[in-house]
Amino acid sequence: MEILDGKKLSQKVLESVKSKVEKLEKKPHLVVILVGSDPASQIYVRNKKLAAEKVGIKSTVINFPSDIEENILLKKIEELNNAVDVTGILVQLPLPEQIDKNKVITSISPKKDVDGFTPENVGKLAAGLEPYYYPATPQGIIMLLNEYNIKLEGADAVILGRSNIVGKPMAQMLLKHNATVTICHSYTKDIEDKIKTADILISAVGKNIVRCKMGNKNSVIVDVGIHRDSNGKLCGDVDFDFVSPSCAYISPVPGGVGPMTIASLMYNASIIY
């Protein structure tokens, strides 16, 4: 069994992005909008800002109070869309209940949508076209699989979770690489049987759900989920100690997909249209 070391690869990707940015005549400028003071969101935003600074991307964080009115947030996004010096816009999720998340995402210019969440970018991906940006986590996973020369063409891939952030775009990207894809969710029957037959298993549920041994010794497991157990320890969707002996490759939590998501986002932020 071999570890898919996302931490190591992320450093390699960030160095490549830094080298690219140094050669750009116009420097990228990423603006991150944070609404409220959710501790987890604050950590994510801080990590993104630190990563941007590390690779030479200018980053600005705009922090709005949690009771902000939706129209004020939308007006700010419109300003950023029209700002010549701003090349990337990211709105940290989740948003407060009074704000329509979909309306906010839709309002971002597709050419500045470094998260790859706008309908135009999502639609292009679904149609087999090249979006302006690929969603960071799925793109980071593809980078990780490619780094370890894991064959996607013809592989039976099982995805646990159907979110717009990971599950759905992950399926589209795997299809683009000619994998056969099965998406499992809370209504899927006999999930364990499907897990056991996977060549590639990608779990993005956010709770400990994979507790069965793989049926294929050459299988690959990518654990996207992250949460704390009853002892406060960070862990993923997969029972690592129990499942890892039955596969060929597995990503750890932490140190797997998380660092690759940040690296992938910086890769996106370095692209200027």
Protein backbone atom coordinates (compact mmCIF):
# COMPACT_ATOMS: atom_id res chain seq x y z
CA MET A 1 0.00 0.00 0.00
CA GLU A 2 1.31 3.45 -0.98
CA ILE A 3 0.28 6.82 0.44
CA LEU A 4 -1.01 9.48 -1.97
CA ASP A 5 1.01 12.33 -0.51
CA GLY A 6 -0.97 15.48 -1.26
CA LYS A 7 1.19 17.60 0.98
CA LYS A 8 4.32 16.78 -0.99
CA LEU A 9 2.69 17.27 -4.39
CA SER A 10 1.03 20.52 -3.32
CA GLN A 11 4.45 22.04 -2.67
CA LYS A 12 5.53 21.01 -6.15
CA VAL A 13 2.41 22.61 -7.68
CA LEU A 14 2.83 25.81 -5.66
CA GLU A 15 6.46 26.12 -6.76
CA SER A 16 5.33 25.77 -10.38
CA VAL A 17 2.64 28.43 -9.89
CA LYS A 18 5.15 30.76 -8.23
CA SER A 19 7.54 30.37 -11.16
CA LYS A 20 4.71 31.15 -13.59
CA VAL A 21 3.51 34.21 -11.65
CA GLU A 22 7.04 35.65 -11.49
CA LYS A 23 7.09 35.74 -15.31
CA LEU A 24 3.69 37.38 -15.72
CA GLU A 25 3.69 41.04 -16.75
CA LYS A 26 0.28 41.55 -15.13
CA LYS A 27 0.15 40.03 -11.66
CA PRO A 28 -2.95 38.12 -10.52
CA HIS A 29 -5.14 39.66 -7.82
CA LEU A 30 -7.47 37.34 -5.92
CA VAL A 31 -10.27 38.83 -3.84
CA VAL A 32 -11.85 36.59 -1.20
CA ILE A 33 -15.19 37.57 0.34
CA LEU A 34 -15.90 36.29 3.83
CA VAL A 35 -19.32 36.85 5.36
CA GLY A 36 -19.55 36.50 9.13
CA SER A 37 -17.03 35.07 11.59
CA ASP A 38 -17.38 31.30 11.29
CA PRO A 39 -14.11 29.90 12.79
CA ALA A 40 -13.69 27.20 10.13
CA SER A 41 -14.28 29.70 7.30
CA GLN A 42 -11.78 32.11 8.86
CA ILE A 43 -9.14 29.36 8.90
CA TYR A 44 -9.85 28.43 5.27
CA VAL A 45 -9.61 32.06 4.16
CA ARG A 46 -6.39 32.61 6.09
CA ASN A 47 -4.84 29.52 4.50
CA LYS A 48 -5.83 30.72 1.03
CA LYS A 49 -4.34 34.15 1.68
CA LEU A 50 -1.08 32.66 2.97
CA ALA A 51 -0.85 30.36 -0.06
CA ALA A 52 -1.47 33.28 -2.42
CA GLU A 53 1.26 35.35 -0.79
CA LYS A 54 3.63 32.39 -1.00
CA VAL A 55 3.28 32.18 -4.80
CA GLY A 56 3.25 35.92 -5.43
CA ILE A 57 -0.47 36.39 -6.02
CA LYS A 58 -1.90 39.55 -4.53
CA SER A 59 -4.80 38.69 -2.24
CA THR A 60 -7.43 40.87 -0.62
CA VAL A 61 -9.94 39.66 1.97
CA ILE A 62 -13.22 41.53 2.28
CA ASN A 63 -15.01 40.63 5.51
CA PHE A 64 -18.71 41.49 5.78
CA PRO A 65 -20.82 41.09 8.95
CA SER A 66 -23.13 38.07 9.09
CA ASP A 67 -26.24 40.27 8.90
CA ILE A 68 -25.28 41.88 5.60
CA GLU A 69 -28.12 42.39 3.14
CA GLU A 70 -27.97 40.31 -0.02
CA ASN A 71 -28.16 43.31 -2.38
CA ILE A 72 -25.06 44.88 -0.78
CA LEU A 73 -23.07 41.69 -1.30
CA LEU A 74 -24.24 41.43 -4.91
CA LYS A 75 -23.31 45.07 -5.54
CA LYS A 76 -19.79 44.45 -4.23
CA ILE A 77 -19.41 41.42 -6.52
CA GLU A 78 -20.55 43.54 -9.47
CA GLU A 79 -17.88 46.11 -8.58
CA LEU A 80 -15.24 43.39 -8.45
CA ASN A 81 -16.42 41.95 -11.79
CA ASN A 82 -15.81 45.35 -13.37
CA ALA A 83 -12.53 46.04 -11.57
CA VAL A 84 -9.68 45.77 -14.09
CA ASP A 85 -7.10 45.03 -11.38
CA VAL A 86 -9.09 42.09 -9.93
CA THR A 87 -8.46 38.81 -11.78
CA GLY A 88 -10.14 36.31 -9.44
CA ILE A 89 -13.13 36.34 -7.09
CA LEU A 90 -13.94 33.77 -4.44
CA VAL A 91 -16.89 33.85 -2.02
CA GLN A 92 -16.23 31.65 1.00
CA LEU A 93 -19.07 29.23 1.73
CA PRO A 94 -21.30 28.71 3.65
CA LEU A 95 -23.24 31.97 3.59
CA PRO A 96 -25.82 33.17 6.15
CA GLU A 97 -29.43 32.03 5.68
CA GLN A 98 -30.70 35.40 4.43
CA ILE A 99 -28.41 35.21 1.39
CA ASP A 100 -29.23 33.08 -1.65
CA LYS A 101 -26.03 31.15 -2.29
CA ASN A 102 -26.94 30.33 -5.88
CA LYS A 103 -27.72 33.96 -6.69
CA VAL A 104 -24.34 35.00 -5.30
CA ILE A 105 -22.41 32.34 -7.22
CA THR A 106 -24.27 33.14 -10.43
CA SER A 107 -23.39 36.83 -10.07
CA ILE A 108 -19.63 36.19 -10.31
CA SER A 109 -18.06 36.66 -13.73
CA PRO A 110 -17.18 33.20 -15.15
CA LYS A 111 -13.78 34.59 -16.17
CA LYS A 112 -13.04 35.50 -12.53
CA ASP A 113 -14.75 32.47 -10.94
CA VAL A 114 -11.61 30.73 -9.63
CA ASP A 115 -13.79 28.21 -7.73
CA GLY A 116 -15.37 27.03 -11.00
CA PHE A 117 -18.86 27.16 -9.49
CA THR A 118 -20.73 29.52 -11.85
CA PRO A 119 -23.38 28.00 -14.17
CA GLU A 120 -21.26 28.79 -17.25
CA ASN A 121 -18.21 26.96 -15.92
CA VAL A 122 -20.31 24.08 -14.58
CA GLY A 123 -22.22 23.86 -17.86
CA LYS A 124 -19.08 23.80 -19.96
CA LEU A 125 -17.66 21.01 -17.83
CA ALA A 126 -20.88 18.99 -18.12
CA ALA A 127 -20.95 19.53 -21.89
CA GLY A 128 -17.42 18.29 -22.31
CA LEU A 129 -16.10 21.76 -23.10
CA GLU A 130 -13.19 23.56 -21.48
CA PRO A 131 -14.41 25.76 -18.60
CA TYR A 132 -12.51 28.89 -17.62
CA TYR A 133 -11.73 27.15 -14.32
CA TYR A 134 -12.13 23.62 -12.97
CA PRO A 135 -13.38 23.24 -9.37
CA ALA A 136 -10.35 23.15 -7.09
CA THR A 137 -10.91 19.91 -5.16
CA PRO A 138 -11.70 17.64 -8.14
CA GLN A 139 -8.88 19.23 -10.12
CA GLY A 140 -6.51 18.64 -7.19
CA ILE A 141 -7.58 14.99 -7.06
CA ILE A 142 -6.89 14.54 -10.77
CA MET A 143 -3.45 16.09 -10.26
CA LEU A 144 -2.81 13.67 -7.40
CA LEU A 145 -3.87 10.61 -9.39
CA ASN A 146 -1.77 11.70 -12.37
CA GLU A 147 1.28 12.22 -10.14
CA TYR A 148 1.16 8.57 -9.12
CA ASN A 149 0.51 7.40 -12.70
CA ILE A 150 -2.87 5.94 -11.79
CA LYS A 151 -4.70 4.96 -14.95
CA LEU A 152 -8.11 6.60 -15.27
CA GLU A 153 -9.04 5.37 -18.72
CA GLY A 154 -11.30 2.34 -18.41
CA ALA A 155 -11.23 2.42 -14.60
CA ASP A 156 -14.39 1.74 -12.60
CA ALA A 157 -14.68 4.81 -10.36
CA VAL A 158 -17.12 5.05 -7.47
CA ILE A 159 -17.86 8.45 -5.92
CA LEU A 160 -19.55 8.72 -2.53
CA GLY A 161 -21.41 12.03 -2.38
CA ARG A 162 -23.15 14.14 -5.04
CA SER A 163 -22.36 17.70 -3.96
CA ASN A 164 -21.89 20.48 -6.49
CA ILE A 165 -18.47 21.17 -5.01
CA VAL A 166 -16.95 17.68 -5.25
CA GLY A 167 -19.18 14.78 -6.27
CA LYS A 168 -20.79 16.05 -9.47
CA PRO A 169 -17.78 17.85 -10.99
CA MET A 170 -15.55 14.95 -9.98
CA ALA A 171 -17.78 12.62 -11.97
CA GLN A 172 -17.60 14.89 -15.03
CA MET A 173 -13.82 15.13 -14.84
CA LEU A 174 -13.40 11.37 -14.51
CA LEU A 175 -15.72 10.86 -17.48
CA LYS A 176 -13.53 13.26 -19.44
CA HIS A 177 -10.63 10.92 -18.68
CA ASN A 178 -12.69 7.95 -19.93
CA ALA A 179 -13.40 6.33 -16.57
CA THR A 180 -16.71 4.58 -15.90
CA VAL A 181 -18.37 6.45 -13.05
CA THR A 182 -20.91 5.46 -10.39
CA ILE A 183 -22.18 8.13 -7.97
CA CYS A 184 -23.51 6.87 -4.64
CA HIS A 185 -25.58 8.89 -2.17
CA SER A 186 -27.92 8.45 0.78
CA TYR A 187 -30.55 6.67 -1.36
CA THR A 188 -28.14 4.25 -3.02
CA LYS A 189 -28.74 0.57 -2.28
CA ASP A 190 -25.93 -1.86 -1.43
CA ILE A 191 -23.25 0.84 -1.25
CA GLU A 192 -20.75 -1.55 0.33
CA ASP A 193 -20.96 -3.86 -2.70
CA LYS A 194 -20.26 -0.96 -5.01
CA ILE A 195 -17.32 0.18 -2.87
CA LYS A 196 -15.74 -3.26 -2.99
CA THR A 197 -15.83 -3.41 -6.81
CA ALA A 198 -14.24 0.02 -7.37
CA ASP A 199 -10.89 0.50 -9.06
CA ILE A 200 -10.96 4.07 -7.77
CA LEU A 201 -13.01 5.12 -4.75
CA ILE A 202 -13.50 8.82 -4.01
CA SER A 203 -15.36 9.54 -0.80
CA ALA A 204 -16.66 13.05 -0.13
CA VAL A 205 -19.36 12.66 2.50
CA GLY A 206 -17.90 14.23 5.64
CA LYS A 207 -18.49 11.36 8.03
CA ASN A 208 -16.88 8.00 8.70
CA ILE A 209 -18.66 5.79 6.19
CA VAL A 210 -16.09 3.45 4.56
CA ARG A 211 -15.45 0.54 6.90
CA CYS A 212 -15.18 -2.37 4.48
CA LYS A 213 -12.16 -3.93 2.81
CA MET A 214 -11.70 -3.37 -0.91
CA GLY A 215 -12.32 -6.30 -3.19
CA ASN A 216 -9.53 -5.28 -5.56
CA LYS A 217 -5.97 -5.24 -4.22
CA ASN A 218 -5.01 -2.71 -6.93
CA SER A 219 -7.74 -0.25 -5.93
CA VAL A 220 -7.14 3.42 -5.17
CA ILE A 221 -8.88 5.31 -2.34
CA VAL A 222 -9.14 9.10 -2.25
CA ASP A 223 -10.56 10.38 1.03
CA VAL A 224 -12.00 13.88 0.66
CA GLY A 225 -14.02 13.99 3.87
CA ILE A 226 -12.65 15.64 6.98
CA HIS A 227 -14.13 15.91 10.46
CA ARG A 228 -13.16 15.38 14.09
CA ASP A 229 -13.97 12.18 15.93
CA SER A 230 -15.21 11.98 19.53
CA ASN A 231 -11.63 12.43 20.75
CA GLY A 232 -11.10 15.56 18.67
CA LYS A 233 -8.79 13.82 16.19
CA LEU A 234 -8.97 14.84 12.53
CA CYS A 235 -10.12 11.97 10.37
CA GLY A 236 -11.78 11.29 7.03
CA ASP A 237 -14.59 9.22 5.57
CA VAL A 238 -12.43 6.10 5.48
CA ASP A 239 -11.45 3.90 8.42
CA PHE A 240 -7.81 4.17 7.41
CA ASP A 241 -6.29 1.46 9.63
CA PHE A 242 -8.90 -1.13 8.68
CA VAL A 243 -9.25 -0.36 4.97
CA SER A 244 -5.70 0.59 3.88
CA PRO A 245 -4.22 -2.96 3.86
CA SER A 246 -6.76 -3.96 1.21
CA CYS A 247 -5.83 -1.35 -1.42
CA ALA A 248 -2.82 -0.25 -3.49
CA TYR A 249 -3.05 3.51 -2.87
CA ILE A 250 -4.80 5.66 -0.30
CA SER A 251 -4.80 9.36 0.59
CA PRO A 252 -4.40 10.26 4.27
CA VAL A 253 -6.43 12.75 6.31
CA PRO A 254 -4.91 15.22 6.90
CA GLY A 255 -2.19 15.56 4.27
CA GLY A 256 -4.01 14.21 1.23
CA VAL A 257 -6.72 16.11 -0.63
CA GLY A 258 -6.72 19.22 1.59
CA PRO A 259 -3.31 20.59 0.51
CA MET A 260 -4.12 19.75 -3.12
CA THR A 261 -7.31 21.80 -2.97
CA ILE A 262 -5.34 24.88 -1.92
CA ALA A 263 -2.64 24.23 -4.54
CA SER A 264 -5.26 23.74 -7.24
CA LEU A 265 -6.98 26.98 -6.24
CA MET A 266 -3.68 28.85 -6.54
CA TYR A 267 -3.20 27.28 -9.95
CA ASN A 268 -6.59 28.67 -10.94
CA ALA A 269 -5.85 32.07 -9.41
CA SER A 270 -2.74 32.35 -11.58
CA ILE A 271 -4.85 32.17 -14.74
CA ILE A 272 -5.79 35.61 -16.08
CA TYR A 273 -8.41 36.28 -18.76
